[in-house]
Amino acid sequence: FHKRGCHVERDERFLEQFAPFDIIVTRRGSNLERFLKSGGRMV
């Protein structure tokens, strides 16, 4: 992903500085709703 120009983190603790997100795409069972913008989309 880094080679494609994305910023990559290992730990969700560091996602706060980038949130909120308009769309989150993840595996089932991931508890990431707190990083989603109100009205955003979870896939």
All heavy atoms as atom14 arrays in JSON, in Angstrom:
{
  "sequence": "FHKRGCHVERDERFLEQFAPFDIIVTRRGSNLERFLKSGGRMV",
  "atom14_mask": [
    [1, 1, 1, 1, 1, 1, 1, 1, 1, 1, 1, 0, 0, 0],
    [1, 1, 1, 1, 1, 1, 1, 1, 1, 1, 0, 0, 0, 0],
    [1, 1, 1, 1, 1, 1, 1, 1, 1, 0, 0, 0, 0, 0],
    [1, 1, 1, 1, 1, 1, 1, 1, 1, 1, 1, 0, 0, 0],
    [1, 1, 1, 1, 0, 0, 0, 0, 0, 0, 0, 0, 0, 0],
    [1, 1, 1, 1, 1, 1, 0, 0, 0, 0, 0, 0, 0, 0],
    [1, 1, 1, 1, 1, 1, 1, 1, 1, 1, 0, 0, 0, 0],
    [1, 1, 1, 1, 1, 1, 1, 0, 0, 0, 0, 0, 0, 0],
    [1, 1, 1, 1, 1, 1, 1, 1, 1, 0, 0, 0, 0, 0],
    [1, 1, 1, 1, 1, 1, 1, 1, 1, 1, 1, 0, 0, 0],
    [1, 1, 1, 1, 1, 1, 1, 1, 0, 0, 0, 0, 0, 0],
    [1, 1, 1, 1, 1, 1, 1, 1, 1, 0, 0, 0, 0, 0],
    [1, 1, 1, 1, 1, 1, 1, 1, 1, 1, 1, 0, 0, 0],
    [1, 1, 1, 1, 1, 1, 1, 1, 1, 1, 1, 0, 0, 0],
    [1, 1, 1, 1, 1, 1, 1, 1, 0, 0, 0, 0, 0, 0],
    [1, 1, 1, 1, 1, 1, 1, 1, 1, 0, 0, 0, 0, 0],
    [1, 1, 1, 1, 1, 1, 1, 1, 1, 0, 0, 0, 0, 0],
    [1, 1, 1, 1, 1, 1, 1, 1, 1, 1, 1, 0, 0, 0],
    [1, 1, 1, 1, 1, 0, 0, 0, 0, 0, 0, 0, 0, 0],
    [1, 1, 1, 1, 1, 1, 1, 0, 0, 0, 0, 0, 0, 0],
    [1, 1, 1, 1, 1, 1, 1, 1, 1, 1, 1, 0, 0, 0],
    [1, 1, 1, 1, 1, 1, 1, 1, 0, 0, 0, 0, 0, 0],
    [1, 1, 1, 1, 1, 1, 1, 1, 0, 0, 0, 0, 0, 0],
    [1, 1, 1, 1, 1, 1, 1, 1, 0, 0, 0, 0, 0, 0],
    [1, 1, 1, 1, 1, 1, 1, 0, 0, 0, 0, 0, 0, 0],
    [1, 1, 1, 1, 1, 1, 1, 0, 0, 0, 0, 0, 0, 0],
    [1, 1, 1, 1, 1, 1, 1, 1, 1, 1, 1, 0, 0, 0],
    [1, 1, 1, 1, 1, 1, 1, 1, 1, 1, 1, 0, 0, 0],
    [1, 1, 1, 1, 0, 0, 0, 0, 0, 0, 0, 0, 0, 0],
    [1, 1, 1, 1, 1, 1, 0, 0, 0, 0, 0, 0, 0, 0],
    [1, 1, 1, 1, 1, 1, 1, 1, 0, 0, 0, 0, 0, 0],
    [1, 1, 1, 1, 1, 1, 1, 1, 0, 0, 0, 0, 0, 0],
    [1, 1, 1, 1, 1, 1, 1, 1, 1, 0, 0, 0, 0, 0],
    [1, 1, 1, 1, 1, 1, 1, 1, 1, 1, 1, 0, 0, 0],
    [1, 1, 1, 1, 1, 1, 1, 1, 1, 1, 1, 0, 0, 0],
    [1, 1, 1, 1, 1, 1, 1, 1, 0, 0, 0, 0, 0, 0],
    [1, 1, 1, 1, 1, 1, 1, 1, 1, 0, 0, 0, 0, 0],
    [1, 1, 1, 1, 1, 1, 0, 0, 0, 0, 0, 0, 0, 0],
    [1, 1, 1, 1, 0, 0, 0, 0, 0, 0, 0, 0, 0, 0],
    [1, 1, 1, 1, 0, 0, 0, 0, 0, 0, 0, 0, 0, 0],
    [1, 1, 1, 1, 1, 1, 1, 1, 1, 1, 1, 0, 0, 0],
    [1, 1, 1, 1, 1, 1, 1, 1, 0, 0, 0, 0, 0, 0],
    [1, 1, 1, 1, 1, 1, 1, 0, 0, 0, 0, 0, 0, 0]
  ],
  "atom14_positions": [
    [[0.83, -1.21, 0.0], [0.0, 0.0, 0.0], [0.87, 1.25, 0.0], [0.56, 2.24, -0.66], [-0.93, 0.0, 1.22], [-2.18, -0.81, 1.05], [-2.34, -2.02, 1.71], [-3.2, -0.37, 0.23], [-3.49, -2.77, 1.56], [-4.36, -1.11, 0.07], [-4.51, -2.32, 0.74], [0.0, 0.0, 0.0], [0.0, 0.0, 0.0], [0.0, 0.0, 0.0]],
    [[1.94, 1.22, 0.76], [2.87, 2.35, 0.79], [3.41, 2.66, -0.6], [3.53, 3.83, -0.99], [4.01, 2.04, 1.76], [5.14, 3.02, 1.73], [5.06, 4.27, 2.3], [6.39, 2.94, 1.18], [6.19, 4.91, 2.11], [7.01, 4.14, 1.43], [0.0, 0.0, 0.0], [0.0, 0.0, 0.0], [0.0, 0.0, 0.0], [0.0, 0.0, 0.0]],
    [[3.73, 1.63, -1.35], [4.22, 1.82, -2.72], [3.18, 2.51, -3.6], [3.55, 3.18, -4.57], [4.61, 0.48, -3.35], [5.92, -0.08, -2.88], [6.54, -1.0, -3.92], [5.68, -2.17, -4.28], [6.4, -3.1, -5.22], [0.0, 0.0, 0.0], [0.0, 0.0, 0.0], [0.0, 0.0, 0.0], [0.0, 0.0, 0.0], [0.0, 0.0, 0.0]],
    [[1.91, 2.32, -3.26], [0.83, 2.95, -4.04], [0.55, 4.38, -3.57], [-0.36, 5.02, -4.07], [-0.44, 2.11, -3.93], [-0.35, 0.73, -4.58], [-0.37, 0.81, -6.09], [-1.57, 1.43, -6.59], [-2.69, 0.77, -6.89], [-2.75, -0.54, -6.73], [-3.74, 1.42, -7.36], [0.0, 0.0, 0.0], [0.0, 0.0, 0.0], [0.0, 0.0, 0.0]],
    [[1.3, 4.85, -2.6], [1.15, 6.23, -2.14], [0.21, 6.42, -0.96], [-0.11, 7.57, -0.62], [0.0, 0.0, 0.0], [0.0, 0.0, 0.0], [0.0, 0.0, 0.0], [0.0, 0.0, 0.0], [0.0, 0.0, 0.0], [0.0, 0.0, 0.0], [0.0, 0.0, 0.0], [0.0, 0.0, 0.0], [0.0, 0.0, 0.0], [0.0, 0.0, 0.0]],
    [[-0.21, 5.33, -0.32], [-1.12, 5.43, 0.83], [-0.34, 5.65, 2.12], [0.78, 5.17, 2.26], [-1.95, 4.15, 0.97], [-2.99, 3.75, -0.44], [0.0, 0.0, 0.0], [0.0, 0.0, 0.0], [0.0, 0.0, 0.0], [0.0, 0.0, 0.0], [0.0, 0.0, 0.0], [0.0, 0.0, 0.0], [0.0, 0.0, 0.0], [0.0, 0.0, 0.0]],
    [[-0.96, 6.36, 3.06], [-0.41, 6.42, 4.41], [-0.88, 5.18, 5.15], [-2.07, 4.84, 5.14], [-0.88, 7.67, 5.14], [-0.35, 7.73, 6.54], [0.9, 8.23, 6.84], [-0.89, 7.31, 7.72], [1.11, 8.13, 8.15], [0.04, 7.58, 8.69], [0.0, 0.0, 0.0], [0.0, 0.0, 0.0], [0.0, 0.0, 0.0], [0.0, 0.0, 0.0]],
    [[0.06, 4.48, 5.83], [-0.27, 3.2, 6.46], [0.07, 3.25, 7.94], [1.16, 3.69, 8.33], [0.5, 2.04, 5.79], [-0.06, 0.71, 6.28], [0.42, 2.13, 4.27], [0.0, 0.0, 0.0], [0.0, 0.0, 0.0], [0.0, 0.0, 0.0], [0.0, 0.0, 0.0], [0.0, 0.0, 0.0], [0.0, 0.0, 0.0], [0.0, 0.0, 0.0]],
    [[-0.86, 2.77, 8.75], [-0.64, 2.62, 10.19], [-0.8, 1.15, 10.58], [-1.52, 0.39, 9.92], [-1.64, 3.46, 10.98], [-1.47, 4.96, 10.84], [-0.25, 5.5, 11.57], [0.4, 4.72, 12.29], [0.04, 6.69, 11.42], [0.0, 0.0, 0.0], [0.0, 0.0, 0.0], [0.0, 0.0, 0.0], [0.0, 0.0, 0.0], [0.0, 0.0, 0.0]],
    [[-0.13, 0.75, 11.67], [-0.24, -0.62, 12.19], [-1.27, -0.73, 13.3], [-1.84, -1.8, 13.52], [1.1, -1.09, 12.78], [2.2, -1.31, 11.78], [3.43, -1.9, 12.45], [3.24, -3.29, 12.82], [3.42, -3.8, 14.02], [3.77, -3.01, 15.03], [3.24, -5.09, 14.26], [0.0, 0.0, 0.0], [0.0, 0.0, 0.0], [0.0, 0.0, 0.0]],
    [[-1.5, 0.36, 14.0], [-2.32, 0.33, 15.21], [-3.42, 1.37, 15.09], [-3.16, 2.53, 14.74], [-1.43, 0.63, 16.43], [-2.12, 0.33, 17.75], [-3.32, 0.66, 17.89], [-1.46, -0.21, 18.65], [0.0, 0.0, 0.0], [0.0, 0.0, 0.0], [0.0, 0.0, 0.0], [0.0, 0.0, 0.0], [0.0, 0.0, 0.0], [0.0, 0.0, 0.0]],
    [[-4.64, 0.97, 15.4], [-5.77, 1.88, 15.25], [-5.71, 3.06, 16.22], [-6.42, 4.04, 16.04], [-7.1, 1.14, 15.42], [-7.31, 0.49, 16.76], [-8.59, -0.33, 16.79], [-8.78, -1.2, 15.93], [-9.41, -0.08, 17.71], [0.0, 0.0, 0.0], [0.0, 0.0, 0.0], [0.0, 0.0, 0.0], [0.0, 0.0, 0.0], [0.0, 0.0, 0.0]],
    [[-4.83, 2.99, 17.22], [-4.67, 4.14, 18.12], [-4.29, 5.4, 17.37], [-4.6, 6.51, 17.8], [-3.59, 3.85, 19.16], [-3.91, 2.79, 20.19], [-2.71, 2.59, 21.09], [-1.53, 2.17, 20.34], [-0.28, 2.4, 20.73], [-0.05, 3.09, 21.85], [0.74, 1.98, 20.01], [0.0, 0.0, 0.0], [0.0, 0.0, 0.0], [0.0, 0.0, 0.0]],
    [[-3.57, 5.23, 16.24], [-3.07, 6.38, 15.5], [-4.02, 6.86, 14.41], [-3.67, 7.77, 13.64], [-1.7, 6.04, 14.9], [-0.67, 5.66, 15.93], [-0.25, 4.35, 16.06], [-0.15, 6.63, 16.78], [0.69, 3.99, 17.02], [0.8, 6.28, 17.74], [1.21, 4.96, 17.87], [0.0, 0.0, 0.0], [0.0, 0.0, 0.0], [0.0, 0.0, 0.0]],
    [[-5.21, 6.28, 14.35], [-6.18, 6.7, 13.33], [-6.92, 7.98, 13.72], [-7.5, 8.64, 12.85], [-7.19, 5.58, 13.07], [-6.65, 4.3, 12.43], [-7.78, 3.3, 12.27], [-6.01, 4.61, 11.08], [0.0, 0.0, 0.0], [0.0, 0.0, 0.0], [0.0, 0.0, 0.0], [0.0, 0.0, 0.0], [0.0, 0.0, 0.0], [0.0, 0.0, 0.0]],
    [[-6.9, 8.33, 15.0], [-7.65, 9.49, 15.45], [-7.24, 10.75, 14.7], [-8.07, 11.6, 14.38], [-7.43, 9.7, 16.96], [-8.07, 8.65, 17.84], [-9.58, 8.79, 17.93], [-10.13, 9.76, 17.37], [-10.21, 7.92, 18.55], [0.0, 0.0, 0.0], [0.0, 0.0, 0.0], [0.0, 0.0, 0.0], [0.0, 0.0, 0.0], [0.0, 0.0, 0.0]],
    [[-5.95, 10.89, 14.38], [-5.47, 12.11, 13.72], [-5.95, 12.23, 12.29], [-5.85, 13.3, 11.69], [-3.95, 12.16, 13.76], [-3.26, 11.0, 13.08], [-1.77, 11.0, 13.3], [-1.07, 11.89, 12.85], [-1.28, 9.99, 14.02], [0.0, 0.0, 0.0], [0.0, 0.0, 0.0], [0.0, 0.0, 0.0], [0.0, 0.0, 0.0], [0.0, 0.0, 0.0]],
    [[-6.47, 11.12, 11.7], [-6.96, 11.14, 10.33], [-8.49, 11.1, 10.25], [-9.06, 11.39, 9.21], [-6.39, 9.95, 9.55], [-4.9, 9.87, 9.59], [-4.26, 8.97, 10.43], [-4.13, 10.71, 8.8], [-2.88, 8.89, 10.47], [-2.74, 10.63, 8.83], [-2.12, 9.72, 9.67], [0.0, 0.0, 0.0], [0.0, 0.0, 0.0], [0.0, 0.0, 0.0]],
    [[-9.15, 10.69, 11.31], [-10.6, 10.58, 11.34], [-11.24, 11.98, 11.38], [-10.58, 12.96, 11.73], [-11.03, 9.75, 12.55], [0.0, 0.0, 0.0], [0.0, 0.0, 0.0], [0.0, 0.0, 0.0], [0.0, 0.0, 0.0], [0.0, 0.0, 0.0], [0.0, 0.0, 0.0], [0.0, 0.0, 0.0], [0.0, 0.0, 0.0], [0.0, 0.0, 0.0]],
    [[-12.55, 12.07, 11.01], [-13.43, 10.96, 10.62], [-13.32, 10.63, 9.14], [-12.86, 11.45, 8.34], [-14.82, 11.52, 10.95], [-14.69, 13.0, 10.69], [-13.28, 13.35, 11.13], [0.0, 0.0, 0.0], [0.0, 0.0, 0.0], [0.0, 0.0, 0.0], [0.0, 0.0, 0.0], [0.0, 0.0, 0.0], [0.0, 0.0, 0.0], [0.0, 0.0, 0.0]],
    [[-13.74, 9.41, 8.8], [-13.68, 8.93, 7.42], [-15.09, 8.91, 6.82], [-16.06, 8.58, 7.51], [-13.07, 7.53, 7.37], [-11.63, 7.5, 7.8], [-11.29, 7.19, 9.11], [-10.62, 7.78, 6.89], [-9.97, 7.17, 9.51], [-9.29, 7.76, 7.29], [-8.96, 7.46, 8.6], [0.0, 0.0, 0.0], [0.0, 0.0, 0.0], [0.0, 0.0, 0.0]],
    [[-15.15, 9.2, 5.54], [-16.44, 9.15, 4.84], [-16.84, 7.71, 4.52], [-18.03, 7.39, 4.47], [-16.36, 9.94, 3.53], [-16.1, 11.42, 3.77], [-17.06, 12.13, 4.14], [-14.95, 11.85, 3.61], [0.0, 0.0, 0.0], [0.0, 0.0, 0.0], [0.0, 0.0, 0.0], [0.0, 0.0, 0.0], [0.0, 0.0, 0.0], [0.0, 0.0, 0.0]],
    [[-15.85, 6.86, 4.3], [-16.12, 5.45, 4.02], [-15.01, 4.6, 4.63], [-13.83, 4.96, 4.57], [-16.24, 5.19, 2.5], [-16.44, 3.69, 2.21], [-15.04, 5.72, 1.74], [-16.78, 3.37, 0.76], [0.0, 0.0, 0.0], [0.0, 0.0, 0.0], [0.0, 0.0, 0.0], [0.0, 0.0, 0.0], [0.0, 0.0, 0.0], [0.0, 0.0, 0.0]],
    [[-15.41, 3.5, 5.25], [-14.47, 2.53, 5.81], [-14.79, 1.18, 5.19], [-15.94, 0.72, 5.24], [-14.58, 2.43, 7.35], [-14.22, 3.78, 8.0], [-13.69, 1.32, 7.88], [-14.39, 3.8, 9.51], [0.0, 0.0, 0.0], [0.0, 0.0, 0.0], [0.0, 0.0, 0.0], [0.0, 0.0, 0.0], [0.0, 0.0, 0.0], [0.0, 0.0, 0.0]],
    [[-13.78, 0.56, 4.6], [-13.94, -0.79, 4.06], [-13.04, -1.71, 4.86], [-11.84, -1.46, 5.03], [-13.62, -0.83, 2.54], [-12.24, -0.28, 2.24], [-13.74, -2.24, 2.0], [0.0, 0.0, 0.0], [0.0, 0.0, 0.0], [0.0, 0.0, 0.0], [0.0, 0.0, 0.0], [0.0, 0.0, 0.0], [0.0, 0.0, 0.0], [0.0, 0.0, 0.0]],
    [[-13.61, -2.78, 5.4], [-12.89, -3.62, 6.35], [-13.48, -5.01, 6.39], [-14.45, -5.32, 5.65], [-12.94, -2.98, 7.76], [-12.12, -3.74, 8.65], [-14.37, -2.92, 8.29], [0.0, 0.0, 0.0], [0.0, 0.0, 0.0], [0.0, 0.0, 0.0], [0.0, 0.0, 0.0], [0.0, 0.0, 0.0], [0.0, 0.0, 0.0], [0.0, 0.0, 0.0]],
    [[-12.92, -5.88, 7.22], [-13.47, -7.22, 7.41], [-14.63, -7.17, 8.4], [-14.71, -6.28, 9.25], [-12.39, -8.16, 7.95], [-11.24, -8.41, 6.98], [-10.36, -9.53, 7.49], [-9.22, -9.76, 6.61], [-9.26, -10.47, 5.49], [-10.4, -11.02, 5.11], [-8.18, -10.64, 4.75], [0.0, 0.0, 0.0], [0.0, 0.0, 0.0], [0.0, 0.0, 0.0]],
    [[-15.5, -8.16, 8.29], [-16.6, -8.27, 9.25], [-16.05, -8.47, 10.65], [-15.06, -9.17, 10.84], [-17.52, -9.44, 8.88], [-18.27, -9.24, 7.57], [-19.29, -10.34, 7.33], [-19.93, -10.18, 6.03], [-20.95, -9.35, 5.81], [-21.42, -8.63, 6.81], [-21.49, -9.26, 4.6], [0.0, 0.0, 0.0], [0.0, 0.0, 0.0], [0.0, 0.0, 0.0]],
    [[-16.68, -7.85, 11.61], [-16.25, -7.98, 12.99], [-15.3, -6.89, 13.45], [-14.99, -6.81, 14.64], [0.0, 0.0, 0.0], [0.0, 0.0, 0.0], [0.0, 0.0, 0.0], [0.0, 0.0, 0.0], [0.0, 0.0, 0.0], [0.0, 0.0, 0.0], [0.0, 0.0, 0.0], [0.0, 0.0, 0.0], [0.0, 0.0, 0.0], [0.0, 0.0, 0.0]],
    [[-14.84, -6.05, 12.52], [-13.97, -4.94, 12.92], [-14.78, -3.87, 13.63], [-15.86, -3.48, 13.17], [-13.28, -4.34, 11.68], [-12.47, -5.31, 11.04], [0.0, 0.0, 0.0], [0.0, 0.0, 0.0], [0.0, 0.0, 0.0], [0.0, 0.0, 0.0], [0.0, 0.0, 0.0], [0.0, 0.0, 0.0], [0.0, 0.0, 0.0], [0.0, 0.0, 0.0]],
    [[-14.25, -3.37, 14.71], [-14.97, -2.37, 15.52], [-14.37, -0.99, 15.25], [-13.63, -0.45, 16.07], [-14.87, -2.74, 17.0], [-15.66, -1.8, 17.88], [-16.61, -1.17, 17.45], [-15.25, -1.69, 19.14], [0.0, 0.0, 0.0], [0.0, 0.0, 0.0], [0.0, 0.0, 0.0], [0.0, 0.0, 0.0], [0.0, 0.0, 0.0], [0.0, 0.0, 0.0]],
    [[-14.69, -0.43, 14.1], [-14.1, 0.84, 13.69], [-15.13, 1.94, 13.48], [-14.79, 3.01, 12.95], [-13.3, 0.62, 12.39], [-12.14, -0.38, 12.46], [-11.58, -0.63, 11.07], [-11.05, 0.15, 13.38], [0.0, 0.0, 0.0], [0.0, 0.0, 0.0], [0.0, 0.0, 0.0], [0.0, 0.0, 0.0], [0.0, 0.0, 0.0], [0.0, 0.0, 0.0]],
    [[-16.35, 1.71, 13.92], [-17.41, 2.69, 13.68], [-17.1, 4.05, 14.27], [-17.55, 5.09, 13.76], [-18.74, 2.18, 14.24], [-19.35, 1.02, 13.48], [-18.76, -0.33, 13.9], [-17.85, -0.33, 14.78], [-19.22, -1.36, 13.37], [0.0, 0.0, 0.0], [0.0, 0.0, 0.0], [0.0, 0.0, 0.0], [0.0, 0.0, 0.0], [0.0, 0.0, 0.0]],
    [[-16.32, 4.09, 15.34], [-16.02, 5.37, 16.01], [-15.2, 6.29, 15.11], [-15.11, 7.5, 15.38], [-15.3, 5.13, 17.32], [-13.92, 4.5, 17.2], [-13.39, 4.1, 18.56], [-12.05, 3.54, 18.55], [-11.77, 2.3, 18.21], [-12.74, 1.47, 17.83], [-10.52, 1.85, 18.24], [0.0, 0.0, 0.0], [0.0, 0.0, 0.0], [0.0, 0.0, 0.0]],
    [[-14.56, 5.75, 14.06], [-13.76, 6.56, 13.15], [-14.58, 7.02, 11.94], [-14.05, 7.72, 11.08], [-12.54, 5.78, 12.66], [-11.61, 5.36, 13.76], [-11.44, 4.02, 14.06], [-10.92, 6.3, 14.52], [-10.58, 3.62, 15.06], [-10.06, 5.92, 15.53], [-9.89, 4.57, 15.81], [0.0, 0.0, 0.0], [0.0, 0.0, 0.0], [0.0, 0.0, 0.0]],
    [[-15.85, 6.65, 11.88], [-16.69, 6.96, 10.73], [-17.43, 8.28, 10.94], [-17.97, 8.54, 12.02], [-17.7, 5.83, 10.51], [-18.5, 5.83, 9.21], [-17.58, 5.63, 8.02], [-19.57, 4.72, 9.27], [0.0, 0.0, 0.0], [0.0, 0.0, 0.0], [0.0, 0.0, 0.0], [0.0, 0.0, 0.0], [0.0, 0.0, 0.0], [0.0, 0.0, 0.0]],
    [[-17.44, 9.08, 9.9], [-18.19, 10.35, 9.95], [-19.68, 10.06, 10.09], [-20.2, 9.05, 9.58], [-17.93, 11.14, 8.67], [-18.62, 12.49, 8.6], [-18.37, 13.17, 7.28], [-16.92, 13.56, 7.12], [-16.68, 14.35, 5.88], [0.0, 0.0, 0.0], [0.0, 0.0, 0.0], [0.0, 0.0, 0.0], [0.0, 0.0, 0.0], [0.0, 0.0, 0.0]],
    [[-20.4, 10.93, 10.75], [-21.84, 10.8, 10.85], [-22.44, 10.79, 9.45], [-22.2, 11.68, 8.65], [-22.44, 11.95, 11.66], [-23.84, 11.86, 11.7], [0.0, 0.0, 0.0], [0.0, 0.0, 0.0], [0.0, 0.0, 0.0], [0.0, 0.0, 0.0], [0.0, 0.0, 0.0], [0.0, 0.0, 0.0], [0.0, 0.0, 0.0], [0.0, 0.0, 0.0]],
    [[-23.2, 9.75, 9.15], [-23.74, 9.61, 7.81], [-22.81, 8.92, 6.83], [-23.14, 8.77, 5.66], [0.0, 0.0, 0.0], [0.0, 0.0, 0.0], [0.0, 0.0, 0.0], [0.0, 0.0, 0.0], [0.0, 0.0, 0.0], [0.0, 0.0, 0.0], [0.0, 0.0, 0.0], [0.0, 0.0, 0.0], [0.0, 0.0, 0.0], [0.0, 0.0, 0.0]],
    [[-21.61, 8.52, 7.33], [-20.64, 7.83, 6.47], [-21.05, 6.39, 6.2], [-22.05, 5.89, 6.73], [0.0, 0.0, 0.0], [0.0, 0.0, 0.0], [0.0, 0.0, 0.0], [0.0, 0.0, 0.0], [0.0, 0.0, 0.0], [0.0, 0.0, 0.0], [0.0, 0.0, 0.0], [0.0, 0.0, 0.0], [0.0, 0.0, 0.0], [0.0, 0.0, 0.0]],
    [[-20.25, 5.72, 5.4], [-20.61, 4.37, 4.95], [-19.55, 3.36, 5.39], [-18.37, 3.6, 5.25], [-20.73, 4.36, 3.43], [-21.22, 3.02, 2.88], [-21.54, 3.12, 1.42], [-22.09, 1.89, 0.91], [-22.42, 1.67, -0.34], [-22.25, 2.65, -1.23], [-22.92, 0.53, -0.73], [0.0, 0.0, 0.0], [0.0, 0.0, 0.0], [0.0, 0.0, 0.0]],
    [[-20.03, 2.25, 5.95], [-19.17, 1.14, 6.35], [-19.4, -0.02, 5.42], [-20.53, -0.48, 5.26], [-19.47, 0.73, 7.8], [-18.63, -0.41, 8.32], [-16.99, 0.09, 8.85], [-17.38, 0.95, 10.38], [0.0, 0.0, 0.0], [0.0, 0.0, 0.0], [0.0, 0.0, 0.0], [0.0, 0.0, 0.0], [0.0, 0.0, 0.0], [0.0, 0.0, 0.0]],
    [[-18.34, -0.51, 4.79], [-18.43, -1.67, 3.9], [-17.65, -2.8, 4.55], [-16.44, -2.72, 4.73], [-17.84, -1.36, 2.5], [-17.9, -2.6, 1.62], [-18.57, -0.2, 1.85], [0.0, 0.0, 0.0], [0.0, 0.0, 0.0], [0.0, 0.0, 0.0], [0.0, 0.0, 0.0], [0.0, 0.0, 0.0], [0.0, 0.0, 0.0], [0.0, 0.0, 0.0]]
  ]
}
